[in-house]
Amino acid sequence: MDSVISIRVISEADYIIETGKTVRELAQIFKVSKSTVHKDLHERLLKIDKNKYNKVDEILKYHTNVRHLRGGESTKKKYQKMFNPLS
């Protein structure tokens, strides 16, 4: 694996462990696609650092478990903004 990719993978892993950000947010921060972040954190990180992989996997599983709540909250905010633009 290329050293640039390895550095990016470790950086992404460290960042998600520190902040708990989502894959989408990581993709924006690291200027790569969501697919790349996902591949980095699920496939490449496992080959590089098993301990970090386990920590990251827990965070990603948590995000998967609460995504329906986040989507509902986003929709609620969207419609509140549409029908009550002053709030």
N, C-alpha and C. Protein backbone atom coordinates (compact mmCIF):
# COMPACT_ATOMS: atom_id res chain seq x y z
N MET A 1 0.85 -1.17 0.00
CA MET A 1 0.00 0.00 0.00
C MET A 1 0.90 1.24 0.00
N ASP A 2 0.50 2.22 -0.75
CA ASP A 2 1.25 3.46 -0.87
C ASP A 2 1.32 4.18 0.48
N SER A 3 2.45 4.81 0.76
CA SER A 3 2.63 5.47 2.06
C SER A 3 1.67 6.64 2.24
N VAL A 4 1.32 7.34 1.16
CA VAL A 4 0.38 8.45 1.24
C VAL A 4 -0.99 7.94 1.68
N ILE A 5 -1.40 6.81 1.14
CA ILE A 5 -2.68 6.22 1.51
C ILE A 5 -2.64 5.77 2.97
N SER A 6 -1.57 5.14 3.38
CA SER A 6 -1.44 4.69 4.77
C SER A 6 -1.53 5.86 5.74
N ILE A 7 -0.87 6.94 5.41
CA ILE A 7 -0.93 8.13 6.27
C ILE A 7 -2.34 8.67 6.35
N ARG A 8 -3.04 8.72 5.20
CA ARG A 8 -4.43 9.20 5.18
C ARG A 8 -5.32 8.30 6.03
N VAL A 9 -5.16 7.00 5.90
CA VAL A 9 -5.98 6.05 6.65
C VAL A 9 -5.79 6.24 8.15
N ILE A 10 -4.56 6.35 8.59
CA ILE A 10 -4.27 6.56 10.01
C ILE A 10 -4.82 7.90 10.48
N SER A 11 -4.69 8.93 9.65
CA SER A 11 -5.22 10.26 10.00
C SER A 11 -6.73 10.23 10.15
N GLU A 12 -7.40 9.56 9.21
CA GLU A 12 -8.86 9.44 9.29
C GLU A 12 -9.26 8.68 10.54
N ALA A 13 -8.56 7.61 10.83
CA ALA A 13 -8.88 6.79 12.01
C ALA A 13 -8.69 7.60 13.29
N ASP A 14 -7.57 8.29 13.39
CA ASP A 14 -7.32 9.11 14.58
C ASP A 14 -8.39 10.18 14.74
N TYR A 15 -8.76 10.80 13.63
CA TYR A 15 -9.74 11.88 13.67
C TYR A 15 -11.12 11.38 14.10
N ILE A 16 -11.55 10.26 13.56
CA ILE A 16 -12.87 9.74 13.92
C ILE A 16 -12.88 9.25 15.37
N ILE A 17 -11.76 8.73 15.85
CA ILE A 17 -11.68 8.29 17.24
C ILE A 17 -11.76 9.49 18.17
N GLU A 18 -11.08 10.58 17.82
CA GLU A 18 -11.08 11.79 18.65
C GLU A 18 -12.42 12.51 18.64
N THR A 19 -13.04 12.61 17.47
CA THR A 19 -14.22 13.47 17.32
C THR A 19 -15.55 12.73 17.23
N GLY A 20 -15.53 11.49 16.74
CA GLY A 20 -16.77 10.76 16.54
C GLY A 20 -17.57 11.24 15.34
N LYS A 21 -16.92 11.94 14.43
CA LYS A 21 -17.60 12.45 13.23
C LYS A 21 -18.08 11.30 12.35
N THR A 22 -19.00 11.62 11.44
CA THR A 22 -19.54 10.63 10.53
C THR A 22 -18.64 10.47 9.30
N VAL A 23 -18.90 9.43 8.52
CA VAL A 23 -18.14 9.17 7.30
C VAL A 23 -18.29 10.35 6.34
N ARG A 24 -19.48 10.89 6.25
CA ARG A 24 -19.73 12.03 5.36
C ARG A 24 -18.90 13.24 5.78
N GLU A 25 -18.85 13.50 7.08
CA GLU A 25 -18.06 14.62 7.57
C GLU A 25 -16.56 14.39 7.33
N LEU A 26 -16.10 13.16 7.55
CA LEU A 26 -14.70 12.85 7.29
C LEU A 26 -14.36 13.05 5.81
N ALA A 27 -15.26 12.65 4.94
CA ALA A 27 -15.02 12.80 3.51
C ALA A 27 -14.83 14.27 3.15
N GLN A 28 -15.64 15.14 3.73
CA GLN A 28 -15.50 16.57 3.45
C GLN A 28 -14.19 17.11 4.00
N ILE A 29 -13.83 16.70 5.19
CA ILE A 29 -12.62 17.20 5.84
C ILE A 29 -11.37 16.75 5.09
N PHE A 30 -11.32 15.47 4.70
CA PHE A 30 -10.14 14.91 4.05
C PHE A 30 -10.19 15.04 2.53
N LYS A 31 -11.24 15.65 2.01
CA LYS A 31 -11.37 15.91 0.57
C LYS A 31 -11.28 14.64 -0.28
N VAL A 32 -11.99 13.60 0.18
CA VAL A 32 -12.11 12.36 -0.57
C VAL A 32 -13.59 11.96 -0.57
N SER A 33 -13.94 10.93 -1.33
CA SER A 33 -15.33 10.51 -1.38
C SER A 33 -15.71 9.69 -0.15
N LYS A 34 -17.01 9.55 0.08
CA LYS A 34 -17.48 8.72 1.19
C LYS A 34 -17.06 7.28 0.98
N SER A 35 -17.06 6.84 -0.26
CA SER A 35 -16.65 5.47 -0.57
C SER A 35 -15.19 5.24 -0.19
N THR A 36 -14.35 6.23 -0.44
CA THR A 36 -12.94 6.11 -0.10
C THR A 36 -12.76 6.03 1.42
N VAL A 37 -13.46 6.89 2.15
CA VAL A 37 -13.37 6.87 3.61
C VAL A 37 -13.83 5.51 4.12
N HIS A 38 -14.93 5.03 3.59
CA HIS A 38 -15.47 3.74 4.02
C HIS A 38 -14.45 2.62 3.75
N LYS A 39 -13.87 2.62 2.57
CA LYS A 39 -12.87 1.60 2.23
C LYS A 39 -11.63 1.73 3.11
N ASP A 40 -11.22 2.96 3.35
CA ASP A 40 -10.06 3.20 4.22
C ASP A 40 -10.30 2.63 5.61
N LEU A 41 -11.46 2.89 6.16
CA LEU A 41 -11.73 2.52 7.55
C LEU A 41 -12.16 1.07 7.73
N HIS A 42 -12.65 0.44 6.67
CA HIS A 42 -13.08 -0.95 6.79
C HIS A 42 -12.07 -1.97 6.26
N GLU A 43 -11.39 -1.65 5.20
CA GLU A 43 -10.46 -2.61 4.60
C GLU A 43 -9.00 -2.28 4.90
N ARG A 44 -8.61 -1.07 4.59
CA ARG A 44 -7.20 -0.71 4.71
C ARG A 44 -6.75 -0.61 6.16
N LEU A 45 -7.58 -0.04 7.03
CA LEU A 45 -7.19 0.12 8.43
C LEU A 45 -6.99 -1.22 9.12
N LEU A 46 -7.78 -2.20 8.75
CA LEU A 46 -7.65 -3.54 9.33
C LEU A 46 -6.26 -4.12 9.06
N LYS A 47 -5.71 -3.84 7.89
CA LYS A 47 -4.38 -4.33 7.53
C LYS A 47 -3.27 -3.55 8.23
N ILE A 48 -3.57 -2.31 8.60
CA ILE A 48 -2.54 -1.43 9.18
C ILE A 48 -2.50 -1.53 10.70
N ASP A 49 -3.68 -1.39 11.34
CA ASP A 49 -3.71 -1.33 12.81
C ASP A 49 -5.02 -1.92 13.33
N LYS A 50 -4.97 -3.14 13.83
CA LYS A 50 -6.16 -3.87 14.29
C LYS A 50 -6.83 -3.17 15.49
N ASN A 51 -6.03 -2.60 16.40
CA ASN A 51 -6.61 -1.93 17.58
C ASN A 51 -7.41 -0.70 17.19
N LYS A 52 -6.86 0.12 16.30
CA LYS A 52 -7.59 1.29 15.83
C LYS A 52 -8.83 0.87 15.04
N TYR A 53 -8.68 -0.20 14.27
CA TYR A 53 -9.82 -0.70 13.50
C TYR A 53 -10.99 -1.03 14.43
N ASN A 54 -10.70 -1.70 15.55
CA ASN A 54 -11.77 -2.07 16.48
C ASN A 54 -12.45 -0.84 17.07
N LYS A 55 -11.68 0.19 17.41
CA LYS A 55 -12.25 1.43 17.95
C LYS A 55 -13.12 2.13 16.90
N VAL A 56 -12.60 2.22 15.68
CA VAL A 56 -13.33 2.86 14.60
C VAL A 56 -14.60 2.08 14.27
N ASP A 57 -14.51 0.77 14.28
CA ASP A 57 -15.67 -0.07 13.97
C ASP A 57 -16.80 0.17 14.96
N GLU A 58 -16.47 0.35 16.23
CA GLU A 58 -17.50 0.65 17.24
C GLU A 58 -18.20 1.97 16.93
N ILE A 59 -17.43 2.98 16.56
CA ILE A 59 -18.00 4.28 16.22
C ILE A 59 -18.90 4.18 15.00
N LEU A 60 -18.44 3.47 13.98
CA LEU A 60 -19.24 3.33 12.76
C LEU A 60 -20.52 2.53 13.01
N LYS A 61 -20.44 1.53 13.87
CA LYS A 61 -21.66 0.78 14.22
C LYS A 61 -22.65 1.66 14.96
N TYR A 62 -22.14 2.52 15.84
CA TYR A 62 -23.02 3.45 16.54
C TYR A 62 -23.73 4.37 15.55
N HIS A 63 -22.96 4.91 14.58
CA HIS A 63 -23.57 5.79 13.57
C HIS A 63 -24.64 5.06 12.78
N THR A 64 -24.40 3.80 12.48
CA THR A 64 -25.40 3.00 11.76
C THR A 64 -26.66 2.83 12.60
N ASN A 65 -26.49 2.64 13.89
CA ASN A 65 -27.65 2.43 14.77
C ASN A 65 -28.48 3.68 14.98
N VAL A 66 -27.89 4.87 14.86
CA VAL A 66 -28.65 6.10 15.12
C VAL A 66 -28.98 6.88 13.85
N ARG A 67 -28.66 6.35 12.68
CA ARG A 67 -28.87 7.13 11.47
C ARG A 67 -30.34 7.44 11.22
N HIS A 68 -31.24 6.56 11.61
CA HIS A 68 -32.66 6.85 11.41
C HIS A 68 -33.10 8.02 12.28
N LEU A 69 -32.48 8.19 13.42
CA LEU A 69 -32.80 9.33 14.29
C LEU A 69 -32.27 10.63 13.70
N ARG A 70 -31.07 10.59 13.17
CA ARG A 70 -30.48 11.79 12.57
C ARG A 70 -31.26 12.22 11.34
N GLY A 71 -31.69 11.26 10.55
CA GLY A 71 -32.47 11.59 9.36
C GLY A 71 -33.79 12.22 9.73
N GLY A 72 -34.43 11.69 10.76
CA GLY A 72 -35.70 12.26 11.21
C GLY A 72 -35.51 13.66 11.76
N GLU A 73 -34.45 13.89 12.48
CA GLU A 73 -34.16 15.21 13.04
C GLU A 73 -33.88 16.21 11.93
N SER A 74 -33.15 15.79 10.90
CA SER A 74 -32.85 16.66 9.77
C SER A 74 -34.12 17.05 9.03
N THR A 75 -35.01 16.09 8.83
CA THR A 75 -36.28 16.37 8.15
C THR A 75 -37.12 17.33 8.98
N LYS A 76 -37.16 17.12 10.27
CA LYS A 76 -37.91 18.01 11.17
C LYS A 76 -37.39 19.44 11.06
N LYS A 77 -36.08 19.62 11.11
CA LYS A 77 -35.49 20.96 11.02
C LYS A 77 -35.79 21.59 9.67
N LYS A 78 -35.74 20.78 8.62
CA LYS A 78 -36.00 21.28 7.27
C LYS A 78 -37.41 21.87 7.18
N TYR A 79 -38.39 21.13 7.68
CA TYR A 79 -39.77 21.60 7.59
C TYR A 79 -40.06 22.74 8.56
N GLN A 80 -39.39 22.76 9.69
CA GLN A 80 -39.56 23.90 10.60
C GLN A 80 -39.05 25.17 9.94
N LYS A 81 -37.94 25.06 9.23
CA LYS A 81 -37.36 26.20 8.55
C LYS A 81 -38.28 26.67 7.40
N MET A 82 -38.89 25.71 6.71
CA MET A 82 -39.76 26.05 5.59
C MET A 82 -41.02 26.76 6.05
N PHE A 83 -41.62 26.28 7.14
CA PHE A 83 -42.90 26.81 7.57
C PHE A 83 -42.79 27.88 8.64
N ASN A 84 -41.63 28.06 9.22
CA ASN A 84 -41.42 29.09 10.24
C ASN A 84 -40.02 29.64 10.04
N PRO A 85 -39.82 30.45 8.99
CA PRO A 85 -38.47 30.90 8.64
C PRO A 85 -37.80 31.81 9.69
N LEU A 86 -38.55 32.32 10.63
CA LEU A 86 -37.96 33.21 11.64
C LEU A 86 -37.30 32.47 12.77
N SER A 87 -37.57 31.15 12.92
CA SER A 87 -36.98 30.41 14.05
C SER A 87 -35.68 29.76 13.71
